[in-house]
Amino acid sequence: LLTGFDDPADIAAFYLDQGAEAVVIKLGADGAY
């Protein structure tokens, strides 16, 4: 919702481009990217 991207890698890249050093995306029972 926040980035408009579907893939976790693209979502993470969005925040890395903003200045984050690490992005961790919660995937529920599947763990985390």
Full PDB file with SEQRES, HELIX, SHEET, SSBOND, CRYST1, ORIGX, SCALE, CONECT and MASTER records, all heavy atoms in Angstrom:
SEQRES   1 A   33  LEU LEU THR GLY PHE ASP ASP PRO ALA ASP ILE ALA ALA          
SEQRES   2 A   33  PHE TYR LEU ASP GLN GLY ALA GLU ALA VAL VAL ILE LYS          
SEQRES   3 A   33  LEU GLY ALA ASP GLY ALA TYR                                  
HELIX    1 AA1 PRO A    8  GLN A   18  1                                  11    
HELIX    2 AA2 GLY A   28  ASP A   30  5                                   3    
CRYST1    1.000    1.000    1.000  90.00  90.00  90.00 P 1           1          
ORIGX1      1.000000  0.000000  0.000000        0.00000                         
ORIGX2      0.000000  1.000000  0.000000        0.00000                         
ORIGX3      0.000000  0.000000  1.000000        0.00000                         
SCALE1      1.000000  0.000000  0.000000        0.00000                         
SCALE2      0.000000  1.000000  0.000000        0.00000                         
SCALE3      0.000000  0.000000  1.000000        0.00000                         
ATOM      1  N   LEU A   1       0.824  -1.210   0.000  1.00  0.00           N  
ATOM      2  CA  LEU A   1       0.000   0.000   0.000  1.00  0.00           C  
ATOM      3  C   LEU A   1       0.861   1.264   0.000  1.00  0.00           C  
ATOM      4  O   LEU A   1       0.581   2.231  -0.718  1.00  0.00           O  
ATOM      5  CB  LEU A   1      -0.922   0.002   1.235  1.00  0.00           C  
ATOM      6  CG  LEU A   1      -1.792   1.239   1.425  1.00  0.00           C  
ATOM      7  CD1 LEU A   1      -2.740   1.425   0.249  1.00  0.00           C  
ATOM      8  CD2 LEU A   1      -2.569   1.140   2.726  1.00  0.00           C  
ATOM      9  N   LEU A   2       1.924   1.260   0.775  1.00  0.00           N  
ATOM     10  CA  LEU A   2       2.747   2.452   0.935  1.00  0.00           C  
ATOM     11  C   LEU A   2       3.623   2.754  -0.275  1.00  0.00           C  
ATOM     12  O   LEU A   2       3.918   3.918  -0.554  1.00  0.00           O  
ATOM     13  CB  LEU A   2       3.640   2.303   2.179  1.00  0.00           C  
ATOM     14  CG  LEU A   2       2.917   2.347   3.525  1.00  0.00           C  
ATOM     15  CD1 LEU A   2       3.862   1.913   4.646  1.00  0.00           C  
ATOM     16  CD2 LEU A   2       2.368   3.737   3.811  1.00  0.00           C  
ATOM     17  N   THR A   3       4.040   1.728  -0.986  1.00  0.00           N  
ATOM     18  CA  THR A   3       4.983   1.940  -2.088  1.00  0.00           C  
ATOM     19  C   THR A   3       4.380   1.742  -3.472  1.00  0.00           C  
ATOM     20  O   THR A   3       4.932   2.241  -4.463  1.00  0.00           O  
ATOM     21  CB  THR A   3       6.192   0.992  -1.965  1.00  0.00           C  
ATOM     22  OG1 THR A   3       5.769  -0.361  -2.220  1.00  0.00           O  
ATOM     23  CG2 THR A   3       6.830   1.083  -0.585  1.00  0.00           C  
ATOM     24  N   GLY A   4       3.299   0.988  -3.549  1.00  0.00           N  
ATOM     25  CA  GLY A   4       2.728   0.677  -4.858  1.00  0.00           C  
ATOM     26  C   GLY A   4       3.379  -0.515  -5.536  1.00  0.00           C  
ATOM     27  O   GLY A   4       2.994  -0.889  -6.645  1.00  0.00           O  
ATOM     28  N   PHE A   5       4.362  -1.124  -4.882  1.00  0.00           N  
ATOM     29  CA  PHE A   5       5.032  -2.304  -5.425  1.00  0.00           C  
ATOM     30  C   PHE A   5       4.473  -3.576  -4.777  1.00  0.00           C  
ATOM     31  O   PHE A   5       4.072  -3.558  -3.614  1.00  0.00           O  
ATOM     32  CB  PHE A   5       6.535  -2.228  -5.189  1.00  0.00           C  
ATOM     33  CG  PHE A   5       7.220  -1.100  -5.913  1.00  0.00           C  
ATOM     34  CD1 PHE A   5       7.748  -0.026  -5.214  1.00  0.00           C  
ATOM     35  CD2 PHE A   5       7.330  -1.113  -7.294  1.00  0.00           C  
ATOM     36  CE1 PHE A   5       8.380   1.031  -5.875  1.00  0.00           C  
ATOM     37  CE2 PHE A   5       7.954  -0.070  -7.968  1.00  0.00           C  
ATOM     38  CZ  PHE A   5       8.479   1.003  -7.262  1.00  0.00           C  
ATOM     39  N   ASP A   6       4.487  -4.673  -5.513  1.00  0.00           N  
ATOM     40  CA  ASP A   6       4.001  -5.947  -4.988  1.00  0.00           C  
ATOM     41  C   ASP A   6       5.107  -6.820  -4.415  1.00  0.00           C  
ATOM     42  O   ASP A   6       4.924  -7.497  -3.402  1.00  0.00           O  
ATOM     43  CB  ASP A   6       3.273  -6.737  -6.091  1.00  0.00           C  
ATOM     44  CG  ASP A   6       1.930  -6.129  -6.453  1.00  0.00           C  
ATOM     45  OD1 ASP A   6       1.294  -5.546  -5.560  1.00  0.00           O  
ATOM     46  OD2 ASP A   6       1.542  -6.240  -7.629  1.00  0.00           O  
ATOM     47  N   ASP A   7       6.253  -6.822  -5.074  1.00  0.00           N  
ATOM     48  CA  ASP A   7       7.341  -7.718  -4.696  1.00  0.00           C  
ATOM     49  C   ASP A   7       8.106  -7.168  -3.487  1.00  0.00           C  
ATOM     50  O   ASP A   7       8.434  -5.978  -3.448  1.00  0.00           O  
ATOM     51  CB  ASP A   7       8.300  -7.895  -5.873  1.00  0.00           C  
ATOM     52  CG  ASP A   7       9.310  -8.986  -5.613  1.00  0.00           C  
ATOM     53  OD1 ASP A   7       8.996 -10.154  -5.863  1.00  0.00           O  
ATOM     54  OD2 ASP A   7      10.428  -8.650  -5.152  1.00  0.00           O  
ATOM     55  N   PRO A   8       8.408  -8.010  -2.500  1.00  0.00           N  
ATOM     56  CA  PRO A   8       9.152  -7.542  -1.327  1.00  0.00           C  
ATOM     57  C   PRO A   8      10.477  -6.867  -1.682  1.00  0.00           C  
ATOM     58  O   PRO A   8      10.865  -5.890  -1.036  1.00  0.00           O  
ATOM     59  CB  PRO A   8       9.377  -8.822  -0.521  1.00  0.00           C  
ATOM     60  CG  PRO A   8       8.236  -9.699  -0.889  1.00  0.00           C  
ATOM     61  CD  PRO A   8       7.963  -9.415  -2.335  1.00  0.00           C  
ATOM     62  N   ALA A   9      11.167  -7.360  -2.701  1.00  0.00           N  
ATOM     63  CA  ALA A   9      12.449  -6.761  -3.080  1.00  0.00           C  
ATOM     64  C   ALA A   9      12.267  -5.316  -3.549  1.00  0.00           C  
ATOM     65  O   ALA A   9      13.084  -4.441  -3.250  1.00  0.00           O  
ATOM     66  CB  ALA A   9      13.115  -7.588  -4.178  1.00  0.00           C  
ATOM     67  N   ASP A  10      11.183  -5.071  -4.278  1.00  0.00           N  
ATOM     68  CA  ASP A  10      10.927  -3.714  -4.758  1.00  0.00           C  
ATOM     69  C   ASP A  10      10.476  -2.799  -3.630  1.00  0.00           C  
ATOM     70  O   ASP A  10      10.830  -1.619  -3.598  1.00  0.00           O  
ATOM     71  CB  ASP A  10       9.863  -3.743  -5.858  1.00  0.00           C  
ATOM     72  CG  ASP A  10      10.338  -4.458  -7.111  1.00  0.00           C  
ATOM     73  OD1 ASP A  10      11.548  -4.384  -7.404  1.00  0.00           O  
ATOM     74  OD2 ASP A  10       9.513  -5.098  -7.784  1.00  0.00           O  
ATOM     75  N   ILE A  11       9.692  -3.343  -2.710  1.00  0.00           N  
ATOM     76  CA  ILE A  11       9.279  -2.555  -1.543  1.00  0.00           C  
ATOM     77  C   ILE A  11      10.507  -2.143  -0.736  1.00  0.00           C  
ATOM     78  O   ILE A  11      10.662  -0.983  -0.342  1.00  0.00           O  
ATOM     79  CB  ILE A  11       8.311  -3.368  -0.662  1.00  0.00           C  
ATOM     80  CG1 ILE A  11       7.020  -3.656  -1.422  1.00  0.00           C  
ATOM     81  CG2 ILE A  11       8.023  -2.631   0.643  1.00  0.00           C  
ATOM     82  CD1 ILE A  11       6.108  -4.664  -0.745  1.00  0.00           C  
ATOM     83  N   ALA A  12      11.393  -3.099  -0.513  1.00  0.00           N  
ATOM     84  CA  ALA A  12      12.612  -2.808   0.244  1.00  0.00           C  
ATOM     85  C   ALA A  12      13.473  -1.784  -0.471  1.00  0.00           C  
ATOM     86  O   ALA A  12      14.023  -0.859   0.148  1.00  0.00           O  
ATOM     87  CB  ALA A  12      13.402  -4.090   0.483  1.00  0.00           C  
ATOM     88  N   ALA A  13      13.605  -1.926  -1.779  1.00  0.00           N  
ATOM     89  CA  ALA A  13      14.413  -0.980  -2.557  1.00  0.00           C  
ATOM     90  C   ALA A  13      13.874   0.435  -2.439  1.00  0.00           C  
ATOM     91  O   ALA A  13      14.648   1.410  -2.397  1.00  0.00           O  
ATOM     92  CB  ALA A  13      14.449  -1.410  -4.021  1.00  0.00           C  
ATOM     93  N   PHE A  14      12.562   0.573  -2.385  1.00  0.00           N  
ATOM     94  CA  PHE A  14      11.930   1.893  -2.234  1.00  0.00           C  
ATOM     95  C   PHE A  14      12.457   2.599  -0.983  1.00  0.00           C  
ATOM     96  O   PHE A  14      12.812   3.785  -1.021  1.00  0.00           O  
ATOM     97  CB  PHE A  14      10.408   1.716  -2.154  1.00  0.00           C  
ATOM     98  CG  PHE A  14       9.638   2.981  -1.911  1.00  0.00           C  
ATOM     99  CD1 PHE A  14       9.207   3.758  -2.972  1.00  0.00           C  
ATOM    100  CD2 PHE A  14       9.334   3.385  -0.621  1.00  0.00           C  
ATOM    101  CE1 PHE A  14       8.484   4.932  -2.749  1.00  0.00           C  
ATOM    102  CE2 PHE A  14       8.617   4.549  -0.381  1.00  0.00           C  
ATOM    103  CZ  PHE A  14       8.192   5.325  -1.449  1.00  0.00           C  
ATOM    104  N   TYR A  15      12.526   1.866   0.148  1.00  0.00           N  
ATOM    105  CA  TYR A  15      12.970   2.486   1.401  1.00  0.00           C  
ATOM    106  C   TYR A  15      14.492   2.609   1.479  1.00  0.00           C  
ATOM    107  O   TYR A  15      15.011   3.551   2.088  1.00  0.00           O  
ATOM    108  CB  TYR A  15      12.405   1.714   2.599  1.00  0.00           C  
ATOM    109  CG  TYR A  15      10.914   1.903   2.716  1.00  0.00           C  
ATOM    110  CD1 TYR A  15      10.032   0.856   2.474  1.00  0.00           C  
ATOM    111  CD2 TYR A  15      10.373   3.155   3.009  1.00  0.00           C  
ATOM    112  CE1 TYR A  15       8.663   1.030   2.538  1.00  0.00           C  
ATOM    113  CE2 TYR A  15       9.005   3.350   3.084  1.00  0.00           C  
ATOM    114  CZ  TYR A  15       8.155   2.289   2.839  1.00  0.00           C  
ATOM    115  OH  TYR A  15       6.797   2.480   2.892  1.00  0.00           O  
ATOM    116  N   LEU A  16      15.210   1.687   0.864  1.00  0.00           N  
ATOM    117  CA  LEU A  16      16.664   1.834   0.798  1.00  0.00           C  
ATOM    118  C   LEU A  16      17.026   3.091   0.012  1.00  0.00           C  
ATOM    119  O   LEU A  16      17.955   3.826   0.384  1.00  0.00           O  
ATOM    120  CB  LEU A  16      17.295   0.601   0.160  1.00  0.00           C  
ATOM    121  CG  LEU A  16      17.244  -0.692   0.975  1.00  0.00           C  
ATOM    122  CD1 LEU A  16      17.777  -1.853   0.141  1.00  0.00           C  
ATOM    123  CD2 LEU A  16      18.036  -0.570   2.270  1.00  0.00           C  
ATOM    124  N   ASP A  17      16.293   3.368  -1.043  1.00  0.00           N  
ATOM    125  CA  ASP A  17      16.545   4.571  -1.839  1.00  0.00           C  
ATOM    126  C   ASP A  17      16.250   5.842  -1.060  1.00  0.00           C  
ATOM    127  O   ASP A  17      16.799   6.908  -1.364  1.00  0.00           O  
ATOM    128  CB  ASP A  17      15.696   4.550  -3.117  1.00  0.00           C  
ATOM    129  CG  ASP A  17      16.167   3.515  -4.127  1.00  0.00           C  
ATOM    130  OD1 ASP A  17      17.322   3.044  -3.993  1.00  0.00           O  
ATOM    131  OD2 ASP A  17      15.392   3.167  -5.036  1.00  0.00           O  
ATOM    132  N   GLN A  18      15.389   5.733  -0.041  1.00  0.00           N  
ATOM    133  CA  GLN A  18      15.064   6.895   0.795  1.00  0.00           C  
ATOM    134  C   GLN A  18      16.087   7.119   1.902  1.00  0.00           C  
ATOM    135  O   GLN A  18      16.035   8.131   2.585  1.00  0.00           O  
ATOM    136  CB  GLN A  18      13.675   6.725   1.426  1.00  0.00           C  
ATOM    137  CG  GLN A  18      12.523   6.929   0.466  1.00  0.00           C  
ATOM    138  CD  GLN A  18      11.192   7.049   1.197  1.00  0.00           C  
ATOM    139  OE1 GLN A  18      11.074   6.731   2.381  1.00  0.00           O  
ATOM    140  NE2 GLN A  18      10.177   7.523   0.501  1.00  0.00           N  
ATOM    141  N   GLY A  19      16.980   6.158   2.103  1.00  0.00           N  
ATOM    142  CA  GLY A  19      17.996   6.347   3.135  1.00  0.00           C  
ATOM    143  C   GLY A  19      18.055   5.289   4.210  1.00  0.00           C  
ATOM    144  O   GLY A  19      18.892   5.367   5.112  1.00  0.00           O  
ATOM    145  N   ALA A  20      17.176   4.282   4.150  1.00  0.00           N  
ATOM    146  CA  ALA A  20      17.236   3.203   5.135  1.00  0.00           C  
ATOM    147  C   ALA A  20      18.493   2.362   4.930  1.00  0.00           C  
ATOM    148  O   ALA A  20      19.016   2.259   3.820  1.00  0.00           O  
ATOM    149  CB  ALA A  20      16.005   2.313   5.020  1.00  0.00           C  
ATOM    150  N   GLU A  21      18.976   1.753   6.008  1.00  0.00           N  
ATOM    151  CA  GLU A  21      20.119   0.852   5.928  1.00  0.00           C  
ATOM    152  C   GLU A  21      19.673  -0.605   5.832  1.00  0.00           C  
ATOM    153  O   GLU A  21      20.398  -1.440   5.303  1.00  0.00           O  
ATOM    154  CB  GLU A  21      21.008   1.047   7.157  1.00  0.00           C  
ATOM    155  CG  GLU A  21      21.648   2.432   7.216  1.00  0.00           C  
ATOM    156  CD  GLU A  21      22.472   2.626   8.473  1.00  0.00           C  
ATOM    157  OE1 GLU A  21      22.495   1.699   9.325  1.00  0.00           O  
ATOM    158  OE2 GLU A  21      23.073   3.703   8.627  1.00  0.00           O  
ATOM    159  N   ALA A  22      18.500  -0.900   6.377  1.00  0.00           N  
ATOM    160  CA  ALA A  22      17.956  -2.257   6.325  1.00  0.00           C  
ATOM    161  C   ALA A  22      16.437  -2.172   6.300  1.00  0.00           C  
ATOM    162  O   ALA A  22      15.841  -1.358   7.012  1.00  0.00           O  
ATOM    163  CB  ALA A  22      18.419  -3.082   7.523  1.00  0.00           C  
ATOM    164  N   VAL A  23      15.822  -3.009   5.475  1.00  0.00           N  
ATOM    165  CA  VAL A  23      14.367  -3.105   5.412  1.00  0.00           C  
ATOM    166  C   VAL A  23      14.004  -4.566   5.643  1.00  0.00           C  
ATOM    167  O   VAL A  23      14.553  -5.461   4.985  1.00  0.00           O  
ATOM    168  CB  VAL A  23      13.824  -2.630   4.050  1.00  0.00           C  
ATOM    169  CG1 VAL A  23      12.294  -2.712   4.037  1.00  0.00           C  
ATOM    170  CG2 VAL A  23      14.288  -1.212   3.746  1.00  0.00           C  
ATOM    171  N   VAL A  24      13.112  -4.799   6.596  1.00  0.00           N  
ATOM    172  CA  VAL A  24      12.685  -6.171   6.895  1.00  0.00           C  
ATOM    173  C   VAL A  24      11.174  -6.213   6.753  1.00  0.00           C  
ATOM    174  O   VAL A  24      10.456  -5.467   7.427  1.00  0.00           O  
ATOM    175  CB  VAL A  24      13.113  -6.597   8.309  1.00  0.00           C  
ATOM    176  CG1 VAL A  24      12.713  -8.048   8.553  1.00  0.00           C  
ATOM    177  CG2 VAL A  24      14.621  -6.424   8.487  1.00  0.00           C  
ATOM    178  N   ILE A  25      10.693  -7.065   5.881  1.00  0.00           N  
ATOM    179  CA  ILE A  25       9.276  -7.133   5.555  1.00  0.00           C  
ATOM    180  C   ILE A  25       8.674  -8.393   6.154  1.00  0.00           C  
ATOM    181  O   ILE A  25       9.092  -9.512   5.842  1.00  0.00           O  
ATOM    182  CB  ILE A  25       9.073  -7.098   4.030  1.00  0.00           C  
ATOM    183  CG1 ILE A  25       9.661  -5.797   3.461  1.00  0.00           C  
ATOM    184  CG2 ILE A  25       7.589  -7.217   3.679  1.00  0.00           C  
ATOM    185  CD1 ILE A  25       9.683  -5.735   1.957  1.00  0.00           C  
ATOM    186  N   LYS A  26       7.688  -8.211   6.999  1.00  0.00           N  
ATOM    187  CA  LYS A  26       7.048  -9.330   7.681  1.00  0.00           C  
ATOM    188  C   LYS A  26       6.123 -10.080   6.723  1.00  0.00           C  
ATOM    189  O   LYS A  26       5.269  -9.481   6.084  1.00  0.00           O  
ATOM    190  CB  LYS A  26       6.261  -8.808   8.892  1.00  0.00           C  
ATOM    191  CG  LYS A  26       7.154  -8.275   9.997  1.00  0.00           C  
ATOM    192  CD  LYS A  26       6.393  -7.416  10.997  1.00  0.00           C  
ATOM    193  CE  LYS A  26       6.206  -6.005  10.458  1.00  0.00           C  
ATOM    194  NZ  LYS A  26       5.658  -5.071  11.477  1.00  0.00           N  
ATOM    195  N   LEU A  27       6.294 -11.394   6.654  1.00  0.00           N  
ATOM    196  CA  LEU A  27       5.530 -12.235   5.734  1.00  0.00           C  
ATOM    197  C   LEU A  27       4.590 -13.189   6.463  1.00  0.00           C  
ATOM    198  O   LEU A  27       4.176 -14.205   5.911  1.00  0.00           O  
ATOM    199  CB  LEU A  27       6.488 -13.046   4.845  1.00  0.00           C  
ATOM    200  CG  LEU A  27       7.530 -12.248   4.052  1.00  0.00           C  
ATOM    201  CD1 LEU A  27       8.458 -13.189   3.299  1.00  0.00           C  
ATOM    202  CD2 LEU A  27       6.858 -11.261   3.092  1.00  0.00           C  
ATOM    203  N   GLY A  28       4.284 -12.892   7.715  1.00  0.00           N  
ATOM    204  CA  GLY A  28       3.392 -13.758   8.484  1.00  0.00           C  
ATOM    205  C   GLY A  28       4.035 -15.103   8.769  1.00  0.00           C  
ATOM    206  O   GLY A  28       5.209 -15.191   9.141  1.00  0.00           O  
ATOM    207  N   ALA A  29       3.268 -16.164   8.563  1.00  0.00           N  
ATOM    208  CA  ALA A  29       3.762 -17.514   8.855  1.00  0.00           C  
ATOM    209  C   ALA A  29       4.950 -17.904   7.980  1.00  0.00           C  
ATOM    210  O   ALA A  29       5.707 -18.818   8.320  1.00  0.00           O  
ATOM    211  CB  ALA A  29       2.643 -18.527   8.671  1.00  0.00           C  
ATOM    212  N   ASP A  30       5.129 -17.206   6.860  1.00  0.00           N  
ATOM    213  CA  ASP A  30       6.243 -17.515   5.961  1.00  0.00           C  
ATOM    214  C   ASP A  30       7.566 -16.905   6.416  1.00  0.00           C  
ATOM    215  O   ASP A  30       8.599 -17.133   5.769  1.00  0.00           O  
ATOM    216  CB  ASP A  30       5.925 -17.036   4.537  1.00  0.00           C  
ATOM    217  CG  ASP A  30       4.796 -17.821   3.905  1.00  0.00           C  
ATOM    218  OD1 ASP A  30       4.660 -19.018   4.221  1.00  0.00           O  
ATOM    219  OD2 ASP A  30       4.033 -17.234   3.112  1.00  0.00           O  
ATOM    220  N   GLY A  31       7.556 -16.132   7.489  1.00  0.00           N  
ATOM    221  CA  GLY A  31       8.800 -15.558   8.006  1.00  0.00           C  
ATOM    222  C   GLY A  31       8.971 -14.111   7.614  1.00  0.00           C  
ATOM    223  O   GLY A  31       8.047 -13.306   7.750  1.00  0.00           O  
ATOM    224  N   ALA A  32      10.130 -13.770   7.072  1.00  0.00           N  
ATOM    225  CA  ALA A  32      10.409 -12.371   6.739  1.00  0.00           C  
ATOM    226  C   ALA A  32      11.456 -12.280   5.637  1.00  0.00           C  
ATOM    227  O   ALA A  32      12.363 -13.108   5.541  1.00  0.00           O  
ATOM    228  CB  ALA A  32      10.887 -11.613   7.968  1.00  0.00           C  
ATOM    229  N   TYR A  33      11.307 -11.250   4.820  1.00  0.00           N  
ATOM    230  CA  TYR A  33      12.295 -10.917   3.793  1.00  0.00           C  
ATOM    231  C   TYR A  33      13.104  -9.734   4.293  1.00  0.00           C  
ATOM    232  O   TYR A  33      12.547  -8.780   4.830  1.00  0.00           O  
ATOM    233  CB  TYR A  33      11.592 -10.553   2.487  1.00  0.00           C  
ATOM    234  CG  TYR A  33      12.505  -9.922   1.447  1.00  0.00           C  
ATOM    235  CD1 TYR A  33      13.259 -10.707   0.583  1.00  0.00           C  
ATOM    236  CD2 TYR A  33      12.621  -8.531   1.340  1.00  0.00           C  
ATOM    237  CE1 TYR A  33      14.106 -10.127  -0.368  1.00  0.00           C  
ATOM    238  CE2 TYR A  33      13.456  -7.949   0.392  1.00  0.00           C  
ATOM    239  CZ  TYR A  33      14.193  -8.748  -0.454  1.00  0.00           C  
ATOM    240  OH  TYR A  33      15.027  -8.181  -1.377  1.00  0.00           O  
TER     241      TYR A  33                                                      
MASTER        0    0    0    2    0    0    0    6  240    1    0    3          
END                                                                             
